[in-house]
Every structure is written in structure tokens, then in C-alpha cells.
């Protein structure tokens, strides 16, 4: 069964997004050998059942605490998974570091720019189309608490493929071979 990992920092709306996508098909678990919680559920994506996992919050794939260790381990264990990187639209720069790490690992990625309403309310302007062009992955503004953008997110998830890392580095002005 295809898997979707929801990844991002704590308090960016991953769990709300998860609950909207998975509906009532949810189970809570502890990661093996830990007390770190995560949730698993199912959703339909293009006439296919897909397992969706709400990964514990993390700032990067270089863990600084147990929850981040679990998040990094879950990503490693799910080599073929699609990763939805959930970013707080009002603090976009904070979420991009993790997103770039995931992209660089070769996973298919879709970015959910969540809390879009908060960013707009704070007069923060994010050009989602330009960000998508630069990163080479789908970028979808969402407001998970109201269900806004979720249909578009699901549509974009269906066709997500790994990004061309070299092209991204060129787009952001990094010379080939100088990134990790």
C-alpha cells in the first residue's frame, strides 16, 4: 500500500490536516521502543487506499530530541513514501529547511502551505507559484482548520515525483557539488 508521510515542525497544523484527510480511519500508536506518539490512517487517493502517517514534529532530519529521532527514522523506513511537508505560511522560512532536506533525499514531495489565512491576515505575501517553480515540487496553500485547499492538495499528491535537486540548486544559486 502506498504511504503518505505528513512532516513538518510542531504546531503547523499537521494533525488537523491529517484528521481532515484520514477522517474517522485513525489509529494512535507509539513508535516501537519509545513513548513518542504518531497517528496512522487511511484515505482514498485516485481510487486507491493510501496509508497516511502523521509524523512527530521535527525541525530537521538531524535530530535534537527523541521525537525528531522518530521522525527521521520513520522517513528512512519509508523509502517509497510520498512526503507532504506542512509549513506554517506565516513563518515559511522556518519550514523550508526540513523541506529541502526531504527533497534532497529524493522523496516525492508536495508542500502544504498551511495557515494561509494567518499569513494573509498578517499581511505576509507568499508567491506559491514562484516557490513551486524554484523548488520543482507542487505547492498548495491550505487552511486545514476550514478544509481549504485539501482537494487541490489531494490532486497534486496523485502525481508527485522526486524533484531534480541539481535544478533546484541552480534555481537558488548554489553551484553543483557544494551542497550535502
Foldseek 3Di string as FASTA:
>chain_A
DAEEEEAAAPPLCLVLLVCVAQPPFKDWDADPPDNDIKMWGWHDFPNDIYIYIHQQGDQALPDDDDSSVRNNVVCVVNVAHEYEYRAALLPRVSRVRRVLRSLVSFHFYAYEHEPVVVCVVVVHDDDQVVVCVLFVHHYFYYHSVVGPRSVVVSVSSVDTGRGDSCSNCVSVVHHPPPDD
